[in-house]
Amino acid sequence: MDPFSLDATGDDVRLSLTSVLDIRVSDDMKNAFLEAVTLGKKVVIDASAVERISTPCIQVLLSAVKTMDEKGLEFSLFSPTEVFVDAFNDLGLFPVLMKWKVEN
């Protein structure tokens, strides 16, 4: 069962992240991003439920954002939790995160 939900409506697709993002879900996360990108719409990454995130999932996110940039797809980050932001900061990636469009 895929733990990530995609909701494609109108001009965008919302990818809701699960509360625990660790190596066990990184492949499912990658596949969800690939599916979202194939729709060719703006991708809204809903990070409002994230309670734990590991480095492999941050790597998947970074790769997905790079792919969206290369394909000219717009994306935004919706309501990232403090845990989400802190994980980027802990890895020295806070400046990268600050370049992303954030919606609340």
Protein backbone atom coordinates (compact mmCIF):
# COMPACT_ATOMS: atom_id res chain seq x y z
CA MET A 1 0.00 0.00 0.00
CA ASP A 2 1.34 3.40 -0.98
CA PRO A 3 1.54 5.69 2.09
CA PHE A 4 1.53 8.86 -0.02
CA SER A 5 -1.60 10.42 -1.42
CA LEU A 6 -1.83 12.40 -4.63
CA ASP A 7 -4.76 14.69 -5.20
CA ALA A 8 -4.84 16.17 -8.69
CA THR A 9 -7.33 18.99 -9.02
CA GLY A 10 -7.42 21.96 -11.32
CA ASP A 11 -3.97 23.28 -12.11
CA ASP A 12 -2.01 21.44 -9.43
CA VAL A 13 -1.37 18.12 -7.77
CA ARG A 14 -0.99 17.87 -4.00
CA LEU A 15 1.39 15.25 -2.67
CA SER A 16 0.78 14.74 1.04
CA LEU A 17 3.81 13.52 2.97
CA THR A 18 3.35 11.02 5.78
CA SER A 19 4.24 11.70 9.41
CA VAL A 20 7.29 9.40 9.37
CA LEU A 21 9.65 9.80 6.44
CA ASP A 22 12.44 7.28 6.84
CA ILE A 23 14.32 4.88 4.60
CA ARG A 24 11.43 2.38 4.68
CA VAL A 25 9.21 4.80 2.74
CA SER A 26 11.85 6.47 0.56
CA ASP A 27 11.10 4.29 -2.50
CA ASP A 28 7.36 4.90 -2.17
CA MET A 29 8.09 8.61 -1.79
CA LYS A 30 10.22 8.60 -4.93
CA ASN A 31 7.48 6.81 -6.87
CA ALA A 32 4.85 9.29 -5.66
CA PHE A 33 6.99 12.20 -6.88
CA LEU A 34 7.55 10.49 -10.23
CA GLU A 35 3.80 10.04 -10.61
CA ALA A 36 3.17 13.68 -9.64
CA VAL A 37 5.73 14.93 -12.17
CA THR A 38 4.19 12.89 -15.00
CA LEU A 39 0.93 14.80 -14.53
CA GLY A 40 2.70 17.97 -15.71
CA LYS A 41 1.02 20.24 -13.15
CA LYS A 42 2.29 22.41 -10.32
CA VAL A 43 3.23 20.12 -7.42
CA VAL A 44 2.22 21.17 -3.92
CA ILE A 45 4.25 19.22 -1.36
CA ASP A 46 2.17 19.05 1.82
CA ALA A 47 4.62 18.72 4.71
CA SER A 48 2.14 19.62 7.45
CA ALA A 49 2.07 16.12 8.98
CA VAL A 50 5.83 15.42 9.07
CA GLU A 51 6.96 14.35 12.55
CA ARG A 52 10.19 12.64 11.53
CA ILE A 53 12.31 12.85 8.39
CA SER A 54 15.56 11.08 7.62
CA THR A 55 18.38 11.91 5.24
CA PRO A 56 17.29 9.44 2.51
CA CYS A 57 13.90 11.16 2.26
CA ILE A 58 15.51 14.58 2.15
CA GLN A 59 17.63 13.27 -0.72
CA VAL A 60 14.46 12.12 -2.50
CA LEU A 61 12.94 15.58 -2.00
CA LEU A 62 16.04 17.31 -3.35
CA SER A 63 16.08 15.02 -6.38
CA ALA A 64 12.37 15.57 -7.00
CA VAL A 65 12.77 19.34 -6.84
CA LYS A 66 15.70 19.16 -9.26
CA THR A 67 13.60 17.08 -11.67
CA MET A 68 10.70 19.54 -11.43
CA ASP A 69 13.07 22.44 -12.11
CA GLU A 70 14.53 20.63 -15.13
CA LYS A 71 11.04 19.98 -16.51
CA GLY A 72 9.96 23.57 -15.89
CA LEU A 73 7.30 22.51 -13.38
CA GLU A 74 6.35 24.86 -10.58
CA PHE A 75 6.25 23.49 -7.04
CA SER A 76 5.61 24.76 -3.55
CA LEU A 77 5.97 23.47 -0.03
CA PHE A 78 2.81 23.63 2.07
CA SER A 79 3.04 24.22 5.81
CA PRO A 80 6.33 22.47 6.65
CA THR A 81 6.58 21.43 10.28
CA GLU A 82 9.35 22.58 12.57
CA VAL A 83 10.78 19.04 12.45
CA PHE A 84 10.90 19.23 8.65
CA VAL A 85 12.72 22.58 8.68
CA ASP A 86 15.09 21.49 11.46
CA ALA A 87 16.11 18.38 9.51
CA PHE A 88 17.20 20.53 6.56
CA ASN A 89 19.03 22.86 8.95
CA ASP A 90 20.80 19.95 10.66
CA LEU A 91 22.18 18.86 7.28
CA GLY A 92 23.30 22.37 6.34
CA LEU A 93 20.52 22.58 3.73
CA PHE A 94 18.51 25.42 5.25
CA PRO A 95 19.66 27.85 2.49
CA VAL A 96 18.33 25.41 -0.12
CA LEU A 97 14.99 25.15 1.68
CA MET A 98 14.75 28.94 1.87
CA LYS A 99 14.79 29.15 -1.95
CA TRP A 100 11.60 27.08 -2.18
CA LYS A 101 8.20 28.72 -2.33
CA VAL A 102 6.35 28.04 0.94
CA GLU A 103 2.60 28.29 1.42
CA ASN A 104 0.75 28.16 4.73
